[in-house]
Amino acid sequence: MIAEVIINRTAKKLNRTFDYGVPEELKDFITVGSKVLVPFGKGEKLEEAFVVNIKEKTEYEVKNIKKLEENLNSKQIELARWMAKRYFCNVSDCIKLMLTPGTRSKEKKMQDKKIQAVYLKKDIEEIESDIESGKIKSEKQKRVIDFVKSNEGVTIPEIEMLTDCSRAIVKTLVKNGYLELLDKKIERDPLKNKNIGRTNFLKLTKEQENAFMQVKEAIDKNIYKRFLLYGVTGSRKNGSIFTINTRSYK
């Protein structure tokens, strides 16, 4: 199984397909529209690429795809090819417009946030023994330990706010081996709390509908004409252009 991919680069010389083998473990998941990582160039550096075709064999000696990142669908790839041809740009640039927000570029990709979380380092029985023996005398230290025992993974600011104890108390317990600070990854979902459903065409204003019908008439009759959209800032000129393009393509 061979995948034809387009490298996610802006260089015009890379605006073509490259063949890569599909590993056995990814054969059921790689499809047209998949965003993958592939070794590219002399340094074997991993680059983002988009699968635009699947075939059975190739005349070249190929490297394998290393990782699957995200899937688009074949209709989106078809639309990207049409857009690239229509607007004289790279196919990869058009594909990126359809990717999930926050994942469009490996350089600017939204990174998962890491925070320091507080956990018990000793067994609770050992800690309670030290409290009973008087090794831990501070009431604030006891309060922090009791809070962390029931809420492992909390942050220092949360401890400060909910126990009315200072950061210094936590640091002392860490220093004495009762607590520990560990990195905790917070997964950031750019689509969280967004209500995403089926997108319908926007209702055009009277002026927009008039502009659309003139352009549509020229397209339907295969007449090449130039059109100038005039409007003040915020009058949805770009929305009109997008509607014309997508309706014409459809």
Protein backbone atom coordinates (compact mmCIF):
# COMPACT_ATOMS: atom_id res chain seq x y z
CA MET A 1 0.00 0.00 0.00
CA ILE A 2 1.53 3.28 -1.16
CA ALA A 3 0.40 6.78 -0.19
CA GLU A 4 0.97 9.80 -2.39
CA VAL A 5 1.55 12.77 -0.10
CA ILE A 6 2.06 16.51 -0.40
CA ILE A 7 4.60 17.96 2.02
CA ASN A 8 3.31 20.78 4.22
CA ARG A 9 5.73 23.41 2.89
CA THR A 10 5.22 26.65 0.96
CA ALA A 11 8.08 26.08 -1.50
CA LYS A 12 6.73 25.81 -5.04
CA LYS A 13 9.12 22.99 -5.92
CA LEU A 14 7.42 20.88 -3.23
CA ASN A 15 3.97 21.44 -4.68
CA ARG A 16 3.89 17.87 -5.99
CA THR A 17 3.35 14.40 -4.64
CA PHE A 18 5.87 12.04 -3.05
CA ASP A 19 5.40 8.29 -2.55
CA TYR A 20 5.59 6.72 0.92
CA GLY A 21 4.91 3.22 2.14
CA VAL A 22 2.07 2.65 4.60
CA PRO A 23 3.15 0.50 7.59
CA GLU A 24 1.08 -2.60 8.28
CA GLU A 25 -0.23 -1.19 11.57
CA LEU A 26 -1.58 1.94 9.84
CA LYS A 27 -3.19 0.33 6.77
CA ASP A 28 -6.66 0.39 8.32
CA PHE A 29 -6.35 4.05 9.32
CA ILE A 30 -4.51 5.88 6.52
CA THR A 31 -6.94 7.26 3.93
CA VAL A 32 -7.05 10.08 1.41
CA GLY A 33 -7.08 13.18 3.61
CA SER A 34 -4.87 11.85 6.40
CA LYS A 35 -2.33 14.23 7.92
CA VAL A 36 0.84 12.24 8.59
CA LEU A 37 4.47 12.61 9.62
CA VAL A 38 7.05 11.40 7.10
CA PRO A 39 10.89 11.37 7.00
CA PHE A 40 11.90 13.92 4.40
CA GLY A 41 15.27 15.13 3.12
CA LYS A 42 18.81 14.07 3.90
CA GLY A 43 18.52 14.52 7.64
CA GLU A 44 15.48 12.22 7.90
CA LYS A 45 13.67 15.07 9.65
CA LEU A 46 9.98 14.38 10.17
CA GLU A 47 7.72 16.66 8.16
CA GLU A 48 3.96 17.07 8.09
CA ALA A 49 2.32 15.81 4.90
CA PHE A 50 -1.17 15.20 3.53
CA VAL A 51 -2.25 11.99 1.81
CA VAL A 52 -3.90 12.83 -1.51
CA ASN A 53 -4.00 9.39 -3.12
CA ILE A 54 -3.66 5.70 -2.27
CA LYS A 55 -2.27 3.15 -4.74
CA GLU A 56 -0.99 -0.40 -4.72
CA LYS A 57 2.59 0.06 -5.89
CA THR A 58 5.29 2.53 -6.92
CA GLU A 59 8.28 2.49 -9.21
CA TYR A 60 10.44 4.12 -6.54
CA GLU A 61 12.20 2.84 -3.44
CA VAL A 62 10.22 4.51 -0.68
CA LYS A 63 10.37 5.25 3.02
CA ASN A 64 7.45 4.54 5.35
CA ILE A 65 5.02 6.95 6.96
CA LYS A 66 5.97 7.31 10.62
CA LYS A 67 2.78 8.57 12.26
CA LEU A 68 -0.86 9.40 11.62
CA GLU A 69 -1.97 12.74 13.08
CA GLU A 70 -5.40 13.69 11.74
CA ASN A 71 -7.92 12.75 9.06
CA LEU A 72 -9.76 14.92 6.55
CA ASN A 73 -12.04 13.40 3.94
CA SER A 74 -11.67 12.89 0.21
CA LYS A 75 -14.15 15.69 -0.58
CA GLN A 76 -11.98 18.18 1.30
CA ILE A 77 -8.90 17.05 -0.61
CA GLU A 78 -10.83 17.36 -3.88
CA LEU A 79 -11.88 20.89 -2.91
CA ALA A 80 -8.29 21.79 -1.96
CA ARG A 81 -7.04 20.65 -5.37
CA TRP A 82 -9.70 22.76 -7.07
CA MET A 83 -8.85 25.80 -4.93
CA ALA A 84 -5.11 25.44 -5.65
CA LYS A 85 -5.75 25.31 -9.37
CA ARG A 86 -8.25 28.16 -9.25
CA TYR A 87 -6.13 30.52 -7.15
CA PHE A 88 -2.63 29.46 -8.26
CA CYS A 89 -1.39 28.39 -4.83
CA ASN A 90 0.02 25.27 -3.19
CA VAL A 91 -2.36 22.40 -2.48
CA SER A 92 -0.95 22.16 1.05
CA ASP A 93 -1.97 25.78 1.74
CA CYS A 94 -5.56 24.98 0.77
CA ILE A 95 -5.62 21.79 2.84
CA LYS A 96 -4.42 23.70 5.92
CA LEU A 97 -7.54 25.89 5.75
CA MET A 98 -9.62 22.82 6.57
CA LEU A 99 -7.63 21.60 9.55
CA THR A 100 -8.79 21.89 13.14
CA PRO A 101 -7.94 25.36 14.56
CA GLY A 102 -4.70 25.25 16.53
CA THR A 103 -3.20 22.41 14.45
CA ARG A 104 -2.49 24.15 11.16
CA SER A 105 1.27 24.36 11.50
CA LYS A 106 3.79 22.27 13.39
CA GLU A 107 5.68 25.47 14.27
CA LYS A 108 2.58 27.23 15.65
CA LYS A 109 0.59 24.24 16.81
CA MET A 110 -1.16 24.79 20.10
CA GLN A 111 0.95 22.96 22.65
CA ASP A 112 -0.45 21.04 25.59
CA LYS A 113 0.14 23.07 28.73
CA LYS A 114 2.21 21.63 31.57
CA ILE A 115 1.67 22.56 35.20
CA GLN A 116 3.25 21.45 38.47
CA ALA A 117 0.87 19.32 40.50
CA VAL A 118 1.23 18.32 44.16
CA TYR A 119 1.13 14.69 45.29
CA LEU A 120 1.86 12.77 48.49
CA LYS A 121 5.37 11.34 48.40
CA LYS A 122 5.15 9.12 51.49
CA ASP A 123 2.48 6.58 52.37
CA ILE A 124 -0.34 8.18 54.31
CA GLU A 125 0.24 5.72 57.20
CA GLU A 126 3.84 6.92 57.54
CA ILE A 127 2.76 10.56 57.41
CA GLU A 128 0.07 10.01 60.07
CA SER A 129 2.66 8.28 62.22
CA ASP A 130 4.93 11.32 61.99
CA ILE A 131 2.01 13.57 62.93
CA GLU A 132 1.22 11.44 65.99
CA SER A 133 4.89 11.34 67.04
CA GLY A 134 5.19 15.10 66.77
CA LYS A 135 7.57 15.23 63.79
CA ILE A 136 4.93 17.32 62.04
CA LYS A 137 3.72 19.93 64.53
CA SER A 138 2.51 22.80 62.34
CA GLU A 139 -1.26 22.96 62.05
CA LYS A 140 -0.93 24.51 58.60
CA GLN A 141 1.31 21.67 57.43
CA LYS A 142 -1.27 19.18 58.73
CA ARG A 143 -4.01 21.10 56.93
CA VAL A 144 -2.10 21.01 53.64
CA ILE A 145 -1.35 17.29 53.96
CA ASP A 146 -4.98 16.53 54.73
CA PHE A 147 -6.10 18.56 51.71
CA VAL A 148 -3.61 16.93 49.31
CA LYS A 149 -4.55 13.49 50.61
CA SER A 150 -8.08 14.03 49.29
CA ASN A 151 -7.10 16.08 46.24
CA GLU A 152 -3.88 14.71 44.75
CA GLY A 153 -2.88 16.52 41.57
CA VAL A 154 -3.90 19.98 42.76
CA THR A 155 -1.67 23.00 42.11
CA ILE A 156 0.06 25.17 44.66
CA PRO A 157 -2.20 28.18 43.89
CA GLU A 158 -5.24 25.96 44.55
CA ILE A 159 -3.75 24.85 47.87
CA GLU A 160 -3.07 28.47 48.82
CA MET A 161 -6.60 29.51 47.96
CA LEU A 162 -8.48 26.59 49.54
CA THR A 163 -6.43 25.99 52.70
CA ASP A 164 -5.36 29.56 53.50
CA CYS A 165 -1.75 28.35 53.67
CA SER A 166 1.25 29.91 51.94
CA ARG A 167 3.43 28.52 49.19
CA ALA A 168 6.25 28.31 51.74
CA ILE A 169 4.31 25.68 53.70
CA VAL A 170 4.05 23.49 50.60
CA LYS A 171 7.73 24.01 49.77
CA THR A 172 8.72 22.95 53.31
CA LEU A 173 6.68 19.74 53.04
CA VAL A 174 8.31 19.04 49.66
CA LYS A 175 11.75 19.67 51.14
CA ASN A 176 11.03 17.31 54.04
CA GLY A 177 9.89 14.55 51.68
CA TYR A 178 6.17 14.49 52.50
CA LEU A 179 4.97 16.00 49.22
CA GLU A 180 6.33 16.06 45.68
CA LEU A 181 5.83 18.25 42.63
CA LEU A 182 5.28 16.48 39.32
CA ASP A 183 4.63 17.86 35.85
CA LYS A 184 1.04 17.38 34.76
CA LYS A 185 -0.05 17.81 31.13
CA ILE A 186 -3.24 19.73 30.50
CA GLU A 187 -4.65 18.81 27.12
CA ARG A 188 -5.87 21.88 25.33
CA ASP A 189 -8.80 21.38 23.00
CA PRO A 190 -9.31 24.39 20.71
CA LEU A 191 -12.88 23.25 19.97
CA LYS A 192 -13.90 22.78 23.60
CA ASN A 193 -17.04 24.72 24.58
CA LYS A 194 -17.75 25.52 20.92
CA ASN A 195 -21.12 24.52 19.55
CA ILE A 196 -20.26 23.05 16.16
CA GLY A 197 -22.99 21.67 13.98
CA ARG A 198 -23.86 21.50 10.33
CA THR A 199 -22.97 24.74 8.59
CA ASN A 200 -25.65 26.32 6.46
CA PHE A 201 -25.15 29.06 3.92
CA LEU A 202 -25.44 32.54 5.33
CA LYS A 203 -28.45 34.50 4.24
CA LEU A 204 -27.22 37.16 1.85
CA THR A 205 -28.25 40.77 2.00
CA LYS A 206 -30.06 42.28 -0.99
CA GLU A 207 -26.82 43.82 -2.28
CA GLN A 208 -24.89 40.57 -1.78
CA GLU A 209 -27.56 38.53 -3.53
CA ASN A 210 -27.43 40.94 -6.48
CA ALA A 211 -23.63 40.60 -6.71
CA PHE A 212 -23.85 36.82 -6.37
CA MET A 213 -26.41 36.43 -9.16
CA GLN A 214 -24.29 38.46 -11.59
CA VAL A 215 -21.23 36.33 -10.92
CA LYS A 216 -23.24 33.09 -10.98
CA GLU A 217 -24.74 34.00 -14.36
CA ALA A 218 -21.26 34.48 -15.83
CA ILE A 219 -20.08 31.16 -14.37
CA ASP A 220 -23.13 29.26 -15.62
CA LYS A 221 -22.55 30.61 -19.13
CA ASN A 222 -18.77 29.98 -18.97
CA ILE A 223 -18.14 33.68 -19.58
CA TYR A 224 -14.86 35.05 -18.26
CA LYS A 225 -15.47 38.42 -16.59
CA ARG A 226 -13.89 40.51 -13.86
CA PHE A 227 -16.04 41.66 -10.96
CA LEU A 228 -15.27 44.27 -8.33
CA LEU A 229 -17.02 44.01 -4.97
CA TYR A 230 -17.38 47.38 -3.31
CA GLY A 231 -18.32 47.78 0.33
CA VAL A 232 -17.27 49.48 3.54
CA THR A 233 -15.26 47.64 6.19
CA GLY A 234 -17.39 44.98 7.86
CA SER A 235 -19.91 44.63 5.04
CA ARG A 236 -19.05 40.92 4.60
CA LYS A 237 -17.30 41.19 1.24
CA ASN A 238 -15.15 38.16 2.05
CA GLY A 239 -18.23 36.19 3.06
CA SER A 240 -19.79 36.97 -0.29
CA ILE A 241 -16.71 35.82 -2.18
CA PHE A 242 -16.55 32.56 -0.19
CA THR A 243 -20.24 31.88 -0.80
CA ILE A 244 -19.81 32.47 -4.54
CA ASN A 245 -16.79 30.16 -4.64
CA THR A 246 -18.32 27.31 -2.67
CA ARG A 247 -21.65 27.44 -4.46
CA SER A 248 -19.92 27.52 -7.83
CA TYR A 249 -17.76 24.55 -6.89
CA LYS A 250 -20.74 22.62 -5.60
